[in-house]
Protein backbone atom coordinates (compact mmCIF):
# COMPACT_ATOMS: atom_id res chain seq x y z
CA UNK A 1 38.84 226.92 -136.08
CA UNK A 2 35.21 226.70 -134.96
CA UNK A 3 33.41 229.47 -133.06
CA UNK A 4 33.34 227.25 -129.98
CA UNK A 5 37.11 226.79 -130.17
CA UNK A 6 37.66 230.53 -130.57
CA UNK A 7 35.48 231.20 -127.51
CA UNK A 8 37.39 228.56 -125.60
CA UNK A 9 40.73 230.19 -126.37
CA UNK A 10 39.29 233.61 -125.50
CA UNK A 11 38.07 232.38 -122.11
CA UNK A 12 41.43 230.77 -121.46
CA UNK A 13 43.26 233.98 -122.32
CA UNK A 14 41.19 236.36 -120.24
CA UNK A 15 41.22 234.05 -117.25
CA UNK A 16 44.98 233.64 -117.51
CA UNK A 17 45.50 237.40 -117.71
CA UNK A 18 43.26 237.97 -114.70
CA UNK A 19 45.36 235.77 -112.48
CA UNK A 20 48.89 236.46 -113.70
CA UNK A 21 50.62 238.39 -110.89
CA UNK A 22 51.20 242.07 -111.57
CA UNK A 23 54.72 242.96 -112.70
CA UNK A 24 54.98 245.06 -109.55
CA UNK A 25 55.10 243.09 -106.31
CA UNK A 26 52.50 245.46 -104.83
CA UNK A 27 50.85 247.81 -107.37
CA UNK A 28 49.40 251.18 -106.51
CA UNK A 29 45.81 251.19 -105.33
CA UNK A 30 43.02 252.70 -107.44
CA UNK A 31 40.41 254.73 -105.59
CA UNK A 32 36.88 255.78 -106.41
CA UNK A 33 36.31 259.34 -107.51
CA UNK A 34 34.60 262.01 -105.45
CA UNK A 35 31.47 262.11 -107.64
CA UNK A 36 29.43 258.93 -107.16
CA UNK A 37 27.59 257.51 -110.14
CA UNK A 38 26.06 254.06 -110.34
CA UNK A 39 23.27 252.33 -112.24
CA UNK A 40 21.46 249.08 -111.56
CA UNK A 41 20.39 246.88 -114.49
CA UNK A 42 17.87 244.13 -113.72
CA UNK A 43 18.98 240.56 -114.43
CA UNK A 44 17.09 237.23 -114.46
CA UNK A 45 18.25 234.25 -112.41
CA UNK A 46 18.51 232.13 -115.55
CA UNK A 47 19.03 234.11 -118.79
CA UNK A 48 17.95 231.05 -120.80
CA UNK A 49 14.68 230.85 -118.84
CA UNK A 50 13.75 234.32 -117.48
CA UNK A 51 10.69 232.91 -115.67
CA UNK A 52 12.79 230.62 -113.48
CA UNK A 53 12.85 231.51 -109.78
CA UNK A 54 13.92 228.31 -107.97
CA UNK A 55 17.45 227.22 -107.09
CA UNK A 56 17.26 224.50 -104.47
CA UNK A 57 15.77 226.07 -101.30
CA UNK A 58 16.32 229.55 -102.77
CA UNK A 59 13.52 231.54 -104.40
CA UNK A 60 14.77 234.35 -106.60
CA UNK A 61 13.23 237.70 -105.70
CA UNK A 62 15.21 239.79 -108.16
CA UNK A 63 18.66 241.09 -108.82
CA UNK A 64 20.77 243.67 -110.60
CA UNK A 65 24.10 244.23 -112.27
CA UNK A 66 25.74 247.31 -110.81
CA UNK A 67 27.65 249.48 -113.27
CA UNK A 68 29.51 252.79 -113.11
CA UNK A 69 31.68 254.98 -115.32
CA UNK A 70 34.24 255.14 -112.50
CA UNK A 71 37.15 252.89 -113.49
CA UNK A 72 37.78 251.91 -109.85
CA UNK A 73 34.20 250.68 -109.38
CA UNK A 74 33.75 246.99 -108.57
CA UNK A 75 35.83 244.33 -106.87
CA UNK A 76 33.20 243.88 -104.13
CA UNK A 77 34.31 241.26 -101.63
CA UNK A 78 32.04 241.95 -98.66
CA UNK A 79 28.79 243.70 -97.81
CA UNK A 80 26.32 244.63 -95.11
CA UNK A 81 22.58 245.08 -95.67
CA UNK A 82 20.41 246.81 -93.08
CA UNK A 83 16.86 247.39 -94.25
CA UNK A 84 17.17 249.22 -97.57
CA UNK A 85 20.73 250.41 -96.82
CA UNK A 86 23.62 248.66 -98.54
CA UNK A 87 27.34 248.87 -97.83
CA UNK A 88 29.65 247.20 -100.36
CA UNK A 89 33.38 246.95 -99.66
CA UNK A 90 35.92 246.24 -102.39
CA UNK A 91 39.20 244.39 -102.06
CA UNK A 92 40.96 247.73 -102.60
CA UNK A 93 39.38 249.52 -99.66
CA UNK A 94 36.71 251.30 -101.74
CA UNK A 95 33.28 251.75 -100.16
CA UNK A 96 29.96 252.05 -102.03
CA UNK A 97 26.86 252.85 -99.96
CA UNK A 98 23.33 253.38 -101.21
CA UNK A 99 19.67 252.79 -100.54
CA UNK A 100 17.54 250.58 -102.76
CA UNK A 101 13.92 249.51 -102.47
CA UNK A 102 11.56 247.29 -104.38
CA UNK A 103 11.98 249.34 -107.56
CA UNK A 104 15.67 248.29 -107.68
CA UNK A 105 16.82 251.87 -108.26
CA UNK A 106 19.84 253.00 -106.17
CA UNK A 107 19.42 256.25 -104.21
CA UNK A 108 21.66 258.33 -101.97
CA UNK A 109 24.75 256.76 -103.53
CA UNK A 110 28.00 257.49 -101.70
CA UNK A 111 31.53 256.57 -102.73
CA UNK A 112 34.09 256.37 -99.94
CA UNK A 113 37.44 255.01 -98.86
CA UNK A 114 38.50 253.12 -95.76
CA UNK A 115 39.92 255.88 -93.57
CA UNK A 116 42.76 253.77 -92.21
CA UNK A 117 44.20 250.30 -92.35
CA UNK A 118 47.48 248.42 -92.69
CA UNK A 119 50.36 250.34 -94.27
CA UNK A 120 50.01 253.75 -95.86
CA UNK A 121 47.02 252.92 -98.07
CA UNK A 122 48.94 253.76 -101.22
CA UNK A 123 49.36 250.16 -102.34
CA UNK A 124 46.81 247.47 -103.15
CA UNK A 125 47.93 245.09 -100.41
CA UNK A 126 47.53 247.87 -97.84
CA UNK A 127 43.78 247.72 -98.36
CA UNK A 128 43.17 244.10 -99.39
CA UNK A 129 39.85 244.20 -97.50
CA UNK A 130 38.17 240.85 -98.09
CA UNK A 131 35.67 240.52 -95.26
CA UNK A 132 33.28 242.71 -93.29
CA UNK A 133 30.99 242.32 -90.31
CA UNK A 134 29.23 244.66 -87.89
CA UNK A 135 27.51 244.93 -84.53
CA UNK A 136 23.84 245.85 -85.06
CA UNK A 137 23.66 247.48 -81.62
CA UNK A 138 26.64 249.84 -81.87
CA UNK A 139 26.88 249.95 -85.68
CA UNK A 140 30.64 249.39 -85.49
CA UNK A 141 32.37 247.55 -88.34
CA UNK A 142 35.19 245.02 -88.44
CA UNK A 143 37.22 244.41 -91.61
CA UNK A 144 39.53 241.51 -92.39
CA UNK A 145 42.63 242.32 -94.48
CA UNK A 146 43.82 239.25 -96.32
CA UNK A 147 47.32 240.25 -97.49
CA UNK A 148 48.24 241.58 -94.03
CA UNK A 149 46.45 238.92 -91.92
CA UNK A 150 44.99 241.77 -89.88
CA UNK A 151 41.59 242.77 -88.46
CA UNK A 152 40.57 246.40 -87.95
CA UNK A 153 37.61 247.90 -86.11
CA UNK A 154 35.90 251.08 -87.39
CA UNK A 155 33.19 253.41 -86.15
CA UNK A 156 29.58 253.16 -87.30
CA UNK A 157 30.11 255.50 -90.23
CA UNK A 158 33.26 253.79 -91.53
CA UNK A 159 34.89 257.18 -91.09
CA UNK A 160 37.45 256.36 -88.40
CA UNK A 161 39.62 253.38 -87.53
CA UNK A 162 39.38 252.63 -83.81
CA UNK A 163 41.66 249.65 -83.17
CA UNK A 164 43.57 246.95 -85.01
CA UNK A 165 45.26 243.61 -84.48
CA UNK A 166 47.39 241.10 -86.30
CA UNK A 167 46.46 238.02 -84.27
CA UNK A 168 49.53 235.83 -83.69
CA UNK A 169 47.48 232.75 -84.54
CA UNK A 170 47.06 234.19 -88.08
CA UNK A 171 50.69 235.24 -88.51
CA UNK A 172 51.68 232.35 -90.79
CA UNK A 173 48.53 232.39 -92.92
CA UNK A 174 49.01 232.68 -96.66
CA UNK A 175 49.18 236.25 -98.01
CA UNK A 176 46.47 235.31 -100.50
CA UNK A 177 44.45 232.96 -98.32
CA UNK A 178 43.74 234.86 -95.14
CA UNK A 179 40.58 236.21 -93.47
CA UNK A 180 38.27 235.82 -96.45
CA UNK A 181 35.24 235.42 -94.15
CA UNK A 182 34.51 237.36 -90.96
CA UNK A 183 31.24 236.96 -89.03
CA UNK A 184 30.12 238.54 -85.77
CA UNK A 185 27.72 236.07 -84.18
CA UNK A 186 24.73 237.34 -82.23
CA UNK A 187 26.24 236.05 -78.99
CA UNK A 188 29.24 238.38 -79.44
CA UNK A 189 31.78 235.85 -80.72
CA UNK A 190 33.59 236.32 -84.03
CA UNK A 191 34.27 233.65 -86.66
CA UNK A 192 37.14 233.95 -89.14
CA UNK A 193 37.48 231.47 -92.03
CA UNK A 194 40.65 231.27 -94.08
CA UNK A 195 40.28 230.99 -97.82
CA UNK A 196 43.17 228.59 -98.45
CA UNK A 197 45.25 228.18 -95.27
CA UNK A 198 45.18 224.54 -94.12
CA UNK A 199 45.60 223.16 -90.60
CA UNK A 200 48.72 221.29 -89.49
CA UNK A 201 51.01 223.00 -91.96
CA UNK A 202 48.85 222.03 -94.92
CA UNK A 203 48.81 218.28 -94.32
CA UNK A 204 45.02 218.23 -94.01
CA UNK A 205 44.67 219.63 -97.51
CA UNK A 206 40.86 219.51 -97.80
CA UNK A 207 40.34 221.56 -94.64
CA UNK A 208 40.53 225.31 -94.03
CA UNK A 209 41.44 226.95 -90.73
CA UNK A 210 38.53 228.42 -88.75
CA UNK A 211 39.03 230.68 -85.72
CA UNK A 212 36.40 231.56 -83.12
CA UNK A 213 37.25 234.62 -81.01
CA UNK A 214 35.38 234.78 -77.69
CA UNK A 215 34.85 238.52 -78.23
CA UNK A 216 36.31 241.44 -80.19
CA UNK A 217 39.22 240.00 -82.25
CA UNK A 218 41.18 243.27 -82.09
CA UNK A 219 41.45 242.77 -78.31
CA UNK A 220 44.70 240.83 -77.75
CA UNK A 221 43.16 239.30 -74.61
CA UNK A 222 40.30 237.67 -76.53
CA UNK A 223 40.50 233.86 -76.18
CA UNK A 224 40.51 232.07 -79.52
CA UNK A 225 39.71 228.50 -80.53
CA UNK A 226 40.98 226.87 -83.73
CA UNK A 227 38.73 224.57 -85.75
CA UNK A 228 38.59 223.60 -89.41
CA UNK A 229 36.05 223.58 -92.23
CA UNK A 230 35.84 221.19 -95.19
CA UNK A 231 34.52 223.01 -98.29
CA UNK A 232 33.12 221.16 -101.32
CA UNK A 233 35.87 219.44 -103.32
CA UNK A 234 37.70 221.94 -105.54
CA UNK A 235 36.09 224.98 -103.89
CA UNK A 236 37.39 227.67 -101.51
CA UNK A 237 35.24 229.52 -98.93
CA UNK A 238 34.84 233.18 -99.89
CA UNK A 239 32.31 234.53 -97.37
CA UNK A 240 29.94 233.49 -94.59
CA UNK A 241 26.98 234.87 -92.67
CA UNK A 242 24.92 233.79 -89.67
CA UNK A 243 21.37 232.53 -90.11
CA UNK A 244 18.60 233.29 -87.59
CA UNK A 245 18.95 229.81 -86.05
CA UNK A 246 22.67 230.23 -85.37
CA UNK A 247 24.00 228.14 -88.25
CA UNK A 248 26.38 229.58 -90.84
CA UNK A 249 25.75 229.93 -94.55
CA UNK A 250 29.04 229.77 -96.47
CA UNK A 251 29.61 230.60 -100.13
CA UNK A 252 32.40 228.60 -101.75
CA UNK A 253 33.75 229.51 -105.17
CA UNK A 254 35.74 227.68 -107.81
CA UNK A 255 37.66 228.93 -110.84
CA UNK A 256 38.01 226.69 -113.91
CA UNK A 257 38.90 227.31 -117.54
CA UNK A 258 35.68 225.65 -118.68
CA UNK A 259 33.07 227.54 -116.66
CA UNK A 260 35.22 230.34 -115.22
CA UNK A 261 33.52 231.03 -111.88
CA UNK A 262 31.01 228.78 -110.13
CA UNK A 263 29.87 228.75 -106.51
CA UNK A 264 28.24 226.45 -103.97
CA UNK A 265 26.30 227.44 -100.87
CA UNK A 266 26.78 225.22 -97.83
CA UNK A 267 24.93 225.12 -94.54
CA UNK A 268 27.36 224.70 -91.63
CA UNK A 269 26.24 223.96 -88.07
CA UNK A 270 28.71 225.79 -85.84
CA UNK A 271 26.51 225.69 -82.75
CA UNK A 272 28.37 224.06 -79.89
CA UNK A 273 31.54 223.58 -81.95
CA UNK A 274 34.70 223.29 -79.86
CA UNK A 275 38.41 223.72 -80.54
CA UNK A 276 39.60 220.95 -82.83
CA UNK A 277 36.18 220.34 -84.39
CA UNK A 278 36.02 219.61 -88.11
CA UNK A 279 33.02 221.39 -89.64
CA UNK A 280 31.37 219.87 -92.70
CA UNK A 281 28.70 221.68 -94.65
CA UNK A 282 25.57 220.51 -96.44
CA UNK A 283 25.40 221.76 -100.02
CA UNK A 284 22.10 223.51 -100.71
CA UNK A 285 22.58 225.38 -104.01
CA UNK A 286 25.02 225.67 -106.91
CA UNK A 287 25.57 228.76 -109.04
CA UNK A 288 26.68 227.38 -112.39
CA UNK A 289 25.40 227.55 -116.00
CA UNK A 290 22.69 228.23 -116.97
CA UNK A 291 21.97 230.37 -113.87
CA UNK A 292 23.91 233.53 -113.01
CA UNK A 293 27.45 232.62 -111.97
CA UNK A 294 30.40 234.86 -111.27
CA UNK A 295 33.00 235.41 -108.59
CA UNK A 296 30.60 235.40 -105.64
CA UNK A 297 32.41 236.73 -102.57
CA UNK A 298 29.82 238.52 -100.42
CA UNK A 299 26.83 237.31 -98.40
CA UNK A 300 24.31 239.03 -96.13
CA UNK A 301 21.15 237.80 -94.42
CA UNK A 302 18.18 240.01 -93.49
CA UNK A 303 14.60 239.41 -92.40
CA UNK A 304 11.41 240.57 -94.11
CA UNK A 305 8.40 239.71 -92.02
CA UNK A 306 8.89 236.05 -91.19
CA UNK A 307 11.07 235.35 -94.22
CA UNK A 308 14.84 234.88 -94.25
CA UNK A 309 16.36 236.91 -97.08
CA UNK A 310 19.74 236.12 -98.59
CA UNK A 311 21.77 238.66 -100.54
CA UNK A 312 24.76 237.54 -102.59
CA UNK A 313 27.19 239.77 -104.50
CA UNK A 314 30.07 239.14 -106.88
CA UNK A 315 33.59 240.53 -107.18
CA UNK A 316 34.24 241.42 -110.82
CA UNK A 317 38.01 241.70 -110.22
CA UNK A 318 37.72 245.04 -112.04
CA UNK A 319 37.63 243.07 -115.31
CA UNK A 320 35.40 244.05 -118.25
CA UNK A 321 34.28 240.47 -118.84
CA UNK A 322 32.94 239.95 -115.31
CA UNK A 323 29.95 241.45 -113.51
CA UNK A 324 29.15 243.13 -110.20
CA UNK A 325 25.99 241.19 -109.45
CA UNK A 326 23.69 241.77 -106.47
CA UNK A 327 21.03 239.05 -106.16
CA UNK A 328 18.20 238.60 -103.67
CA UNK A 329 16.61 235.30 -102.57
CA UNK A 330 14.17 233.99 -100.02
CA UNK A 331 15.74 231.07 -98.17
CA UNK A 332 13.37 228.22 -97.22
CA UNK A 333 15.10 225.49 -95.22
């Protein structure tokens, strides 16, 4: 058996193990320890060409692989970036907050835990937190819980749950294909994108359900419109963020035995979209060999001077063969 064949079987095996359901229907949740420790290791955009900085309209400004001795570290599915302050949220309800400047060295690292959420918090599905957004004025956070098809609102410190809802329109969404993306638009509306739930009972198989709440989605009186989004063929939307011009940037990921994880960024014009609209994105960049590629599930957009800055982070599924990447780009459209 050649080395290439051995590597192929190894990749097949680890990918299969990663996605075989746990023997328990809902395993216990692992939590971060009380003593935070984290390091950041610089990474190039393209390991085969460390000088490369261009990926479509993206210019690579640097990036790191985040590592920790804490066995519960990783699994980051959503994030917020405000200046040099980062908040990463895992799909087990673990919170990692830190500051990081141009030297790429994390400071003031804090490990935390969502203070409340669906269920008791003892089991993984109780804190299957896959999406995160916030209000820059009040600092309040909203979190989407995929396995429970629920949305919770928290205070500005992520120290107290304030309100929650399981919107009836999301009641029949797949347990593993729910609110993967949650965006608070600057006009006060909220956008929720399902990872795998299709409209019309699944008959429109290429499309994913999109909801636009007129205001706070935990308010049962908030009007909601249903639309749909068509991701690139073979890909599922895993996060979204609003650009300064009001359009959405969506990251879509794919899992294959050949390349493991790849991702495509699409530009989606949601401005003026009405109930029943079918949103189609324009592909602008692909994360696939030879550039860094992993299970990208978190996006954030900031501004530096007149530049639009895109941050993208990966969920390592708490697997040794994956990475918790945090990459920074300038976006020139």
